[in-house]
C-alpha cells in the first residue's frame, strides 16, 4: 500500500475558477478532486482516459456531442476515452466531486 498524505497534494487552478487536486496515482487508475466556482467551466477537450466521476456538491453541466447532461449531488457519470466534452457550473453554489481516470493521468496538462 502507498499512503498519499494530504500535505503532499497540490491543487492547481486549471482554468479560472476550476481547481483540481491530484489525490492518488496507481498503476491502472488515478483519482482527482475537482472544485468549480459558480460560473466556471472547462472548454471542450478530450483525453485518452476513461473518466468516471461523482458529484458531492452543486450541479455540473456536461456537453458531449452537442447533448447536455446535468449531474448533481449523489450523481455519477462515465465519459469514454477520446470523447470530446466540456463541463460548466451554471449554478450559484460551488460544485465539487471526484474523478477517476483509467489509465492514470499521471501528468495531466493542467499540471504544467
N, C-alpha and C. Protein backbone atom coordinates (compact mmCIF):
# COMPACT_ATOMS: atom_id res chain seq x y z
N UNK A 1 0.84 -1.19 0.00
CA UNK A 1 0.00 0.00 0.00
C UNK A 1 0.88 1.24 0.00
N UNK A 2 0.39 2.25 -0.68
CA UNK A 2 1.07 3.54 -0.68
C UNK A 2 0.11 4.57 -0.11
N UNK A 3 0.52 5.26 0.93
CA UNK A 3 -0.29 6.33 1.52
C UNK A 3 0.09 7.65 0.85
N UNK A 4 -0.92 8.47 0.58
CA UNK A 4 -0.69 9.79 -0.01
C UNK A 4 -1.21 10.83 0.98
N UNK A 5 -0.32 11.37 1.82
CA UNK A 5 -0.76 12.33 2.84
C UNK A 5 -1.33 13.61 2.23
N UNK A 6 -2.30 14.16 2.90
CA UNK A 6 -2.96 15.38 2.45
C UNK A 6 -1.93 16.49 2.18
N UNK A 7 -0.93 16.62 3.02
CA UNK A 7 0.05 17.69 2.90
C UNK A 7 0.88 17.60 1.63
N UNK A 8 0.92 16.45 0.97
CA UNK A 8 1.74 16.29 -0.24
C UNK A 8 0.97 16.61 -1.51
N UNK A 9 -0.31 16.82 -1.42
CA UNK A 9 -1.14 17.09 -2.59
C UNK A 9 -1.02 18.55 -3.02
N UNK A 10 -1.10 18.76 -4.32
CA UNK A 10 -1.02 20.10 -4.87
C UNK A 10 -2.31 20.41 -5.62
N UNK A 11 -2.94 21.53 -5.29
CA UNK A 11 -4.14 21.97 -6.00
C UNK A 11 -3.72 23.05 -6.99
N UNK A 12 -4.23 22.93 -8.22
CA UNK A 12 -3.93 23.91 -9.25
C UNK A 12 -5.23 24.48 -9.79
N UNK A 13 -5.17 25.70 -10.28
CA UNK A 13 -6.32 26.30 -10.95
C UNK A 13 -6.14 26.03 -12.44
N UNK A 14 -6.82 25.00 -12.93
CA UNK A 14 -6.66 24.55 -14.33
C UNK A 14 -7.09 25.63 -15.31
N UNK A 15 -8.25 26.20 -15.07
CA UNK A 15 -8.76 27.38 -15.77
C UNK A 15 -9.40 28.23 -14.68
N UNK A 16 -9.71 29.46 -15.00
CA UNK A 16 -10.22 30.36 -13.97
C UNK A 16 -11.44 29.77 -13.27
N UNK A 17 -11.33 29.61 -11.94
CA UNK A 17 -12.43 29.13 -11.13
C UNK A 17 -12.57 27.62 -11.04
N UNK A 18 -11.68 26.88 -11.71
CA UNK A 18 -11.72 25.41 -11.67
C UNK A 18 -10.44 24.92 -11.01
N UNK A 19 -10.59 24.31 -9.84
CA UNK A 19 -9.45 23.85 -9.05
C UNK A 19 -9.42 22.32 -9.03
N UNK A 20 -8.27 21.76 -9.37
CA UNK A 20 -8.11 20.31 -9.45
C UNK A 20 -6.97 19.87 -8.54
N UNK A 21 -7.19 18.77 -7.83
CA UNK A 21 -6.18 18.22 -6.93
C UNK A 21 -5.96 16.76 -7.27
N UNK A 22 -4.75 16.41 -7.65
CA UNK A 22 -4.39 15.01 -7.88
C UNK A 22 -4.33 14.33 -6.51
N UNK A 23 -5.19 13.34 -6.28
CA UNK A 23 -5.24 12.69 -4.96
C UNK A 23 -4.32 11.49 -4.87
N UNK A 24 -4.36 10.62 -5.87
CA UNK A 24 -3.52 9.43 -5.86
C UNK A 24 -3.39 8.90 -7.29
N UNK A 25 -2.24 8.30 -7.57
CA UNK A 25 -1.99 7.71 -8.89
C UNK A 25 -1.49 6.29 -8.70
N UNK A 26 -2.22 5.34 -9.29
CA UNK A 26 -1.82 3.94 -9.23
C UNK A 26 -1.33 3.47 -10.58
N UNK A 27 -1.15 2.18 -10.72
CA UNK A 27 -0.68 1.62 -11.98
C UNK A 27 -1.76 1.63 -13.05
N UNK A 28 -3.03 1.50 -12.66
CA UNK A 28 -4.11 1.39 -13.64
C UNK A 28 -5.14 2.51 -13.58
N UNK A 29 -5.06 3.36 -12.58
CA UNK A 29 -6.02 4.46 -12.47
C UNK A 29 -5.46 5.58 -11.62
N UNK A 30 -6.11 6.73 -11.71
CA UNK A 30 -5.77 7.86 -10.84
C UNK A 30 -7.07 8.51 -10.39
N UNK A 31 -6.98 9.25 -9.30
CA UNK A 31 -8.17 9.92 -8.76
C UNK A 31 -7.83 11.37 -8.46
N UNK A 32 -8.78 12.26 -8.82
CA UNK A 32 -8.58 13.69 -8.55
C UNK A 32 -9.86 14.29 -7.99
N UNK A 33 -9.69 15.31 -7.19
CA UNK A 33 -10.80 16.09 -6.66
C UNK A 33 -10.98 17.31 -7.55
N UNK A 34 -12.23 17.71 -7.81
CA UNK A 34 -12.46 18.93 -8.58
C UNK A 34 -13.35 19.88 -7.79
N UNK A 35 -13.17 21.17 -8.03
CA UNK A 35 -13.97 22.23 -7.39
C UNK A 35 -14.18 23.32 -8.45
N UNK A 36 -15.46 23.56 -8.81
CA UNK A 36 -15.81 24.59 -9.78
C UNK A 36 -16.51 25.72 -9.04
N UNK A 37 -16.01 26.93 -9.15
CA UNK A 37 -16.70 28.10 -8.61
C UNK A 37 -17.94 28.37 -9.48
N UNK A 38 -18.94 29.08 -8.95
CA UNK A 38 -20.10 29.43 -9.76
C UNK A 38 -19.67 30.16 -11.04
N UNK A 39 -20.21 29.74 -12.17
CA UNK A 39 -19.89 30.36 -13.46
C UNK A 39 -18.65 29.82 -14.14
N UNK A 40 -17.88 28.99 -13.46
CA UNK A 40 -16.63 28.47 -14.04
C UNK A 40 -16.90 27.23 -14.89
N UNK A 41 -15.99 26.98 -15.81
CA UNK A 41 -16.13 25.79 -16.65
C UNK A 41 -14.84 25.45 -17.37
N UNK A 42 -14.79 24.26 -17.91
CA UNK A 42 -13.66 23.85 -18.74
C UNK A 42 -14.16 23.72 -20.17
N UNK A 43 -13.40 24.25 -21.13
CA UNK A 43 -13.83 24.18 -22.53
C UNK A 43 -13.76 22.75 -23.05
N UNK A 44 -14.35 22.55 -24.22
CA UNK A 44 -14.33 21.22 -24.81
C UNK A 44 -12.90 20.71 -24.95
N UNK A 45 -12.71 19.47 -24.57
CA UNK A 45 -11.41 18.82 -24.65
C UNK A 45 -11.64 17.32 -24.70
N UNK A 46 -10.60 16.58 -24.95
CA UNK A 46 -10.69 15.12 -24.87
C UNK A 46 -9.35 14.58 -24.40
N UNK A 47 -9.38 13.37 -23.91
CA UNK A 47 -8.17 12.69 -23.45
C UNK A 47 -8.41 11.20 -23.61
N UNK A 48 -7.34 10.45 -23.70
CA UNK A 48 -7.45 9.02 -23.95
C UNK A 48 -8.04 8.25 -22.78
N UNK A 49 -8.11 8.87 -21.64
CA UNK A 49 -8.53 8.21 -20.41
C UNK A 49 -10.05 8.11 -20.29
N UNK A 50 -10.55 6.94 -19.87
CA UNK A 50 -11.93 6.84 -19.46
C UNK A 50 -12.06 7.62 -18.16
N UNK A 51 -13.13 8.39 -18.02
CA UNK A 51 -13.33 9.24 -16.85
C UNK A 51 -14.64 8.86 -16.17
N UNK A 52 -14.55 8.49 -14.91
CA UNK A 52 -15.72 8.15 -14.11
C UNK A 52 -15.74 9.12 -12.94
N UNK A 53 -16.89 9.75 -12.69
CA UNK A 53 -16.93 10.77 -11.66
C UNK A 53 -18.14 10.70 -10.77
N UNK A 54 -18.06 11.47 -9.68
CA UNK A 54 -19.11 11.56 -8.68
C UNK A 54 -19.19 13.01 -8.20
N UNK A 55 -20.39 13.58 -8.18
CA UNK A 55 -20.60 14.94 -7.69
C UNK A 55 -21.13 14.87 -6.26
N UNK A 56 -20.47 15.57 -5.33
CA UNK A 56 -20.97 15.55 -3.96
C UNK A 56 -21.59 16.89 -3.54
N UNK A 57 -21.39 17.95 -4.34
CA UNK A 57 -21.98 19.25 -4.02
C UNK A 57 -22.21 20.02 -5.31
N UNK A 58 -23.34 20.69 -5.43
CA UNK A 58 -23.62 21.53 -6.58
C UNK A 58 -24.11 20.75 -7.79
N UNK A 59 -24.22 21.45 -8.91
CA UNK A 59 -24.71 20.86 -10.15
C UNK A 59 -23.75 21.20 -11.27
N UNK A 60 -23.33 20.19 -12.01
CA UNK A 60 -22.37 20.34 -13.10
C UNK A 60 -23.06 19.95 -14.41
N UNK A 61 -22.89 20.80 -15.44
CA UNK A 61 -23.47 20.52 -16.74
C UNK A 61 -22.37 20.15 -17.72
N UNK A 62 -22.49 18.96 -18.30
CA UNK A 62 -21.56 18.50 -19.33
C UNK A 62 -22.22 18.66 -20.69
N UNK A 63 -21.42 18.94 -21.71
CA UNK A 63 -21.87 18.90 -23.09
C UNK A 63 -21.00 17.86 -23.79
N UNK A 64 -21.66 16.83 -24.32
CA UNK A 64 -20.98 15.74 -25.02
C UNK A 64 -21.71 15.53 -26.35
N UNK A 65 -20.98 15.71 -27.45
CA UNK A 65 -21.55 15.53 -28.78
C UNK A 65 -22.83 16.36 -28.97
N UNK A 66 -22.80 17.60 -28.47
CA UNK A 66 -23.93 18.51 -28.61
C UNK A 66 -25.08 18.28 -27.66
N UNK A 67 -25.01 17.24 -26.83
CA UNK A 67 -26.08 16.93 -25.89
C UNK A 67 -25.66 17.34 -24.47
N UNK A 68 -26.58 17.97 -23.75
CA UNK A 68 -26.31 18.39 -22.37
C UNK A 68 -26.72 17.32 -21.37
N UNK A 69 -25.89 17.15 -20.36
CA UNK A 69 -26.15 16.23 -19.25
C UNK A 69 -25.90 17.01 -17.97
N UNK A 70 -26.85 17.00 -17.06
CA UNK A 70 -26.70 17.70 -15.78
C UNK A 70 -26.62 16.67 -14.66
N UNK A 71 -25.57 16.79 -13.85
CA UNK A 71 -25.38 15.88 -12.72
C UNK A 71 -25.30 16.70 -11.44
N UNK A 72 -25.93 16.19 -10.39
CA UNK A 72 -25.98 16.90 -9.12
C UNK A 72 -25.52 16.02 -7.98
N UNK A 73 -25.71 16.47 -6.76
CA UNK A 73 -25.24 15.73 -5.60
C UNK A 73 -25.72 14.28 -5.59
N UNK A 74 -24.77 13.38 -5.46
CA UNK A 74 -25.07 11.96 -5.43
C UNK A 74 -25.07 11.30 -6.79
N UNK A 75 -24.99 12.10 -7.87
CA UNK A 75 -24.97 11.54 -9.22
C UNK A 75 -23.55 11.16 -9.64
N UNK A 76 -23.47 10.14 -10.48
CA UNK A 76 -22.21 9.69 -11.06
C UNK A 76 -22.31 9.76 -12.58
N UNK A 77 -21.17 9.67 -13.25
CA UNK A 77 -21.14 9.73 -14.71
C UNK A 77 -19.94 8.96 -15.24
N UNK A 78 -20.02 8.61 -16.52
CA UNK A 78 -18.93 7.93 -17.22
C UNK A 78 -18.74 8.63 -18.56
N UNK A 79 -17.50 9.02 -18.86
CA UNK A 79 -17.16 9.62 -20.14
C UNK A 79 -16.12 8.70 -20.79
N UNK A 80 -16.43 8.11 -21.94
CA UNK A 80 -15.47 7.23 -22.60
C UNK A 80 -14.20 7.98 -23.00
N UNK A 81 -13.09 7.26 -23.09
CA UNK A 81 -11.85 7.86 -23.55
C UNK A 81 -12.01 8.43 -24.95
N UNK A 82 -11.31 9.52 -25.23
CA UNK A 82 -11.31 10.20 -26.54
C UNK A 82 -12.65 10.83 -26.91
N UNK A 83 -13.57 10.95 -25.95
CA UNK A 83 -14.88 11.58 -26.21
C UNK A 83 -14.77 13.07 -25.89
N UNK A 84 -14.89 13.97 -26.89
CA UNK A 84 -14.84 15.41 -26.61
C UNK A 84 -15.97 15.81 -25.66
N UNK A 85 -15.65 16.61 -24.65
CA UNK A 85 -16.63 17.04 -23.66
C UNK A 85 -16.20 18.35 -23.02
N UNK A 86 -17.19 19.07 -22.50
CA UNK A 86 -16.94 20.27 -21.71
C UNK A 86 -17.77 20.15 -20.44
N UNK A 87 -17.46 20.99 -19.46
CA UNK A 87 -18.21 20.97 -18.20
C UNK A 87 -18.29 22.39 -17.65
N UNK A 88 -19.45 22.74 -17.07
CA UNK A 88 -19.63 24.08 -16.53
C UNK A 88 -20.52 24.06 -15.30
N UNK A 89 -20.21 24.97 -14.39
CA UNK A 89 -21.06 25.20 -13.23
C UNK A 89 -21.94 26.39 -13.56
N UNK A 90 -23.19 26.13 -13.90
CA UNK A 90 -24.12 27.19 -14.26
C UNK A 90 -24.95 27.64 -13.06
N UNK A 91 -24.67 27.06 -11.91
CA UNK A 91 -25.43 27.38 -10.71
C UNK A 91 -24.81 28.50 -9.89
N UNK A 92 -25.39 28.72 -8.72
CA UNK A 92 -24.94 29.80 -7.84
C UNK A 92 -24.14 29.29 -6.65
N UNK A 93 -23.91 27.99 -6.57
CA UNK A 93 -23.09 27.45 -5.50
C UNK A 93 -21.93 26.65 -6.11
N UNK A 94 -20.84 26.48 -5.38
CA UNK A 94 -19.71 25.71 -5.90
C UNK A 94 -20.11 24.26 -6.18
N UNK A 95 -19.37 23.65 -7.09
CA UNK A 95 -19.53 22.23 -7.40
C UNK A 95 -18.25 21.53 -7.01
N UNK A 96 -18.38 20.38 -6.33
CA UNK A 96 -17.19 19.60 -6.02
C UNK A 96 -17.51 18.12 -6.17
N UNK A 97 -16.45 17.36 -6.40
CA UNK A 97 -16.60 15.93 -6.56
C UNK A 97 -15.26 15.28 -6.84
N UNK A 98 -15.33 14.06 -7.32
CA UNK A 98 -14.14 13.25 -7.54
C UNK A 98 -14.22 12.61 -8.92
N UNK A 99 -13.09 12.59 -9.64
CA UNK A 99 -12.97 11.88 -10.91
C UNK A 99 -11.93 10.79 -10.78
N UNK A 100 -12.19 9.67 -11.44
CA UNK A 100 -11.23 8.57 -11.54
C UNK A 100 -10.92 8.39 -13.03
N UNK A 101 -9.64 8.26 -13.36
CA UNK A 101 -9.20 8.12 -14.74
C UNK A 101 -8.48 6.79 -14.92
N UNK A 102 -8.77 6.13 -16.05
CA UNK A 102 -8.06 4.90 -16.39
C UNK A 102 -7.78 4.93 -17.89
N UNK A 103 -6.53 4.75 -18.31
CA UNK A 103 -5.34 4.62 -17.49
C UNK A 103 -5.10 5.90 -16.69
N UNK A 104 -4.18 5.86 -15.74
CA UNK A 104 -3.97 7.02 -14.88
C UNK A 104 -3.51 8.26 -15.64
N UNK A 105 -3.96 9.40 -15.16
CA UNK A 105 -3.47 10.69 -15.67
C UNK A 105 -2.39 11.16 -14.73
N UNK A 106 -1.20 10.64 -14.91
CA UNK A 106 -0.09 10.94 -14.01
C UNK A 106 0.40 12.37 -14.13
N UNK A 107 0.37 12.91 -15.34
CA UNK A 107 0.89 14.25 -15.58
C UNK A 107 -0.06 14.99 -16.51
N UNK A 108 -1.29 15.27 -16.06
CA UNK A 108 -2.25 15.94 -16.95
C UNK A 108 -1.78 17.34 -17.33
N UNK A 109 -2.26 17.83 -18.47
CA UNK A 109 -1.86 19.13 -18.98
C UNK A 109 -2.03 20.23 -17.95
N UNK A 110 -3.08 20.15 -17.11
CA UNK A 110 -3.34 21.21 -16.15
C UNK A 110 -2.26 21.32 -15.09
N UNK A 111 -1.35 20.36 -15.00
CA UNK A 111 -0.28 20.45 -14.00
C UNK A 111 0.94 21.20 -14.54
N UNK A 112 0.99 21.47 -15.85
CA UNK A 112 2.14 22.17 -16.44
C UNK A 112 2.13 23.63 -16.10
